[in-house]
Amino acid sequence: MTKVTPEVPRRLADESSYEVDPGKGWILFAGIMLAVVGVLNVVAGIAAVDNAQFYTQNAQFVFADLKTLGWLLIVFGAIQLVTSFGVFREWESARWAGIAAAALNMILQFVFLPAHPGWTMIIFFVDVIIIFGLMTYGGRDRHSLRG
């Protein structure tokens, strides 16, 4: 009796052995950064409400006082945290909410510019990266980017 073994299809030498999702890393990064920025906004908001020494003393704000802006940061940071979980789940609505949250956070950070300029610029550029990742790789059609 001869033993019959099924023929294994041959693969090309340069053919990938797994399916590549080109946007998975960017989505993961954007979700993590959205969560990190959310936590940092909550902490910075608590510091603003508590009048901590974190902020420059005697900073003049155009729209409101430091405590009001601190409460805005706390609420907005919580929204960013919730949105980051939706980004991890790859929900389309969370993608757009993450883009909106990062864009609005950029504006909110510029309101805080007189209080802590270095911190504001760092968070601003993290928001730019979040928007890039979610806009470029966050959609349902990212699988069409495969080579």
Protein backbone atom coordinates (compact mmCIF):
# COMPACT_ATOMS: atom_id res chain seq x y z
CA MET A 1 0.00 0.00 0.00
CA THR A 2 1.40 3.36 -0.97
CA LYS A 3 1.02 6.28 1.33
CA VAL A 4 -0.65 9.27 -0.32
CA THR A 5 0.31 12.64 1.05
CA PRO A 6 -1.55 15.76 0.03
CA GLU A 7 0.47 18.13 -2.06
CA VAL A 8 1.35 21.34 -0.27
CA PRO A 9 1.04 24.42 -2.47
CA ARG A 10 4.40 26.04 -3.10
CA ARG A 11 4.94 29.63 -2.05
CA LEU A 12 7.11 32.15 -3.76
CA ALA A 13 10.27 33.11 -1.90
CA ASP A 14 9.26 36.73 -1.36
CA GLU A 15 5.59 36.01 -0.67
CA SER A 16 4.44 37.00 2.79
CA SER A 17 3.41 34.20 5.10
CA TYR A 18 0.71 36.25 6.80
CA GLU A 19 -1.90 38.80 5.90
CA VAL A 20 -0.70 42.31 6.54
CA ASP A 21 -3.04 44.99 7.79
CA PRO A 22 -1.14 48.20 6.98
CA GLY A 23 -3.17 50.36 9.34
CA LYS A 24 -3.28 48.17 12.44
CA GLY A 25 -0.19 49.74 14.00
CA TRP A 26 -1.38 53.29 13.33
CA ILE A 27 -4.81 52.55 14.78
CA LEU A 28 -3.26 50.99 17.87
CA PHE A 29 -0.90 53.95 18.22
CA ALA A 30 -3.70 56.51 17.74
CA GLY A 31 -5.89 54.73 20.30
CA ILE A 32 -3.09 54.56 22.85
CA MET A 33 -2.14 58.21 22.30
CA LEU A 34 -5.79 59.26 22.55
CA ALA A 35 -6.03 57.45 25.89
CA VAL A 36 -2.72 58.92 27.12
CA VAL A 37 -3.75 62.45 26.13
CA GLY A 38 -7.12 61.87 27.81
CA VAL A 39 -5.43 60.86 31.07
CA LEU A 40 -3.01 63.79 30.83
CA ASN A 41 -5.93 66.18 30.24
CA VAL A 42 -7.75 64.83 33.30
CA VAL A 43 -4.62 65.22 35.44
CA ALA A 44 -3.91 68.71 34.05
CA GLY A 45 -7.56 69.65 34.59
CA ILE A 46 -7.40 68.53 38.22
CA ALA A 47 -4.22 70.58 38.64
CA ALA A 48 -5.96 73.62 37.15
CA VAL A 49 -9.03 73.25 39.37
CA ASP A 50 -6.81 72.80 42.42
CA ASN A 51 -4.66 75.86 41.55
CA ALA A 52 -1.52 73.71 41.57
CA GLN A 53 1.92 75.18 40.90
CA PHE A 54 2.00 73.31 37.58
CA TYR A 55 0.75 76.35 35.69
CA THR A 56 2.45 79.69 35.21
CA GLN A 57 1.31 82.12 37.83
CA ASN A 58 -0.74 85.17 36.80
CA ALA A 59 -1.47 83.82 33.31
CA GLN A 60 -4.16 85.82 31.56
CA PHE A 61 -6.87 83.88 29.71
CA VAL A 62 -9.17 85.37 27.10
CA PHE A 63 -12.27 83.20 27.55
CA ALA A 64 -12.44 82.03 31.16
CA ASP A 65 -10.48 81.58 34.36
CA LEU A 66 -8.12 78.67 35.09
CA LYS A 67 -10.70 76.69 37.13
CA THR A 68 -13.28 76.77 34.35
CA LEU A 69 -10.70 75.67 31.81
CA GLY A 70 -9.63 72.94 34.23
CA TRP A 71 -13.16 71.54 34.36
CA LEU A 72 -13.26 71.63 30.56
CA LEU A 73 -10.05 69.59 30.47
CA ILE A 74 -11.41 67.04 32.94
CA VAL A 75 -14.62 66.50 30.96
CA PHE A 76 -12.83 66.49 27.63
CA GLY A 77 -10.18 64.07 28.92
CA ALA A 78 -12.90 61.66 30.02
CA ILE A 79 -14.47 61.86 26.55
CA GLN A 80 -11.09 61.10 24.99
CA LEU A 81 -10.65 58.06 27.21
CA VAL A 82 -14.05 56.66 26.22
CA THR A 83 -13.35 57.38 22.55
CA SER A 84 -10.00 55.56 22.72
CA PHE A 85 -11.76 52.32 23.66
CA GLY A 86 -13.96 52.65 20.57
CA VAL A 87 -10.85 53.20 18.44
CA PHE A 88 -9.39 49.97 19.85
CA ARG A 89 -12.59 48.19 18.82
CA GLU A 90 -12.22 49.76 15.35
CA TRP A 91 -15.66 51.34 15.37
CA GLU A 92 -16.14 53.78 12.51
CA SER A 93 -18.03 56.22 14.76
CA ALA A 94 -15.16 56.15 17.28
CA ARG A 95 -12.72 56.93 14.46
CA TRP A 96 -14.57 60.15 13.65
CA ALA A 97 -15.11 60.94 17.33
CA GLY A 98 -11.35 60.47 17.88
CA ILE A 99 -10.55 62.82 15.00
CA ALA A 100 -13.00 65.40 16.38
CA ALA A 101 -11.66 64.97 19.93
CA ALA A 102 -8.06 65.46 18.79
CA ALA A 103 -9.00 68.50 16.68
CA LEU A 104 -10.98 70.12 19.52
CA ASN A 105 -8.18 69.29 21.95
CA MET A 106 -5.77 71.19 19.72
CA ILE A 107 -7.96 74.27 20.06
CA LEU A 108 -8.39 73.75 23.80
CA GLN A 109 -4.64 73.39 24.25
CA PHE A 110 -4.05 76.72 22.53
CA VAL A 111 -6.38 78.33 25.06
CA PHE A 112 -3.99 76.95 27.73
CA LEU A 113 -0.91 78.26 25.92
CA PRO A 114 -0.28 81.15 28.38
CA ALA A 115 -0.41 78.78 31.37
CA HIS A 116 2.04 76.13 30.17
CA PRO A 117 3.47 76.73 26.68
CA GLY A 118 5.84 73.75 26.41
CA TRP A 119 3.25 71.23 27.52
CA THR A 120 0.65 72.72 25.18
CA MET A 121 2.89 72.35 22.14
CA ILE A 122 3.74 68.72 22.93
CA ILE A 123 0.07 67.77 23.32
CA PHE A 124 -0.76 69.73 20.15
CA PHE A 125 1.67 67.69 18.05
CA VAL A 126 0.48 64.41 19.58
CA ASP A 127 -3.03 65.41 18.46
CA VAL A 128 -1.70 65.98 14.93
CA ILE A 129 -0.30 62.43 14.89
CA ILE A 130 -3.58 61.01 16.20
CA ILE A 131 -5.51 62.75 13.43
CA PHE A 132 -3.03 61.51 10.81
CA GLY A 133 -3.29 57.91 11.99
CA LEU A 134 -7.07 57.87 12.17
CA MET A 135 -7.61 59.74 8.91
CA THR A 136 -5.12 57.69 6.89
CA TYR A 137 -5.55 54.20 8.31
CA GLY A 138 -8.68 54.24 10.44
CA GLY A 139 -11.33 53.64 7.83
CA ARG A 140 -12.96 50.46 6.69
CA ASP A 141 -11.25 50.76 3.33
CA ARG A 142 -7.73 50.48 4.77
CA HIS A 143 -7.63 46.82 3.72
CA SER A 144 -7.51 48.02 0.11
CA LEU A 145 -4.05 49.48 0.89
CA ARG A 146 -2.51 46.00 0.77
CA GLY A 147 0.02 45.58 -1.98
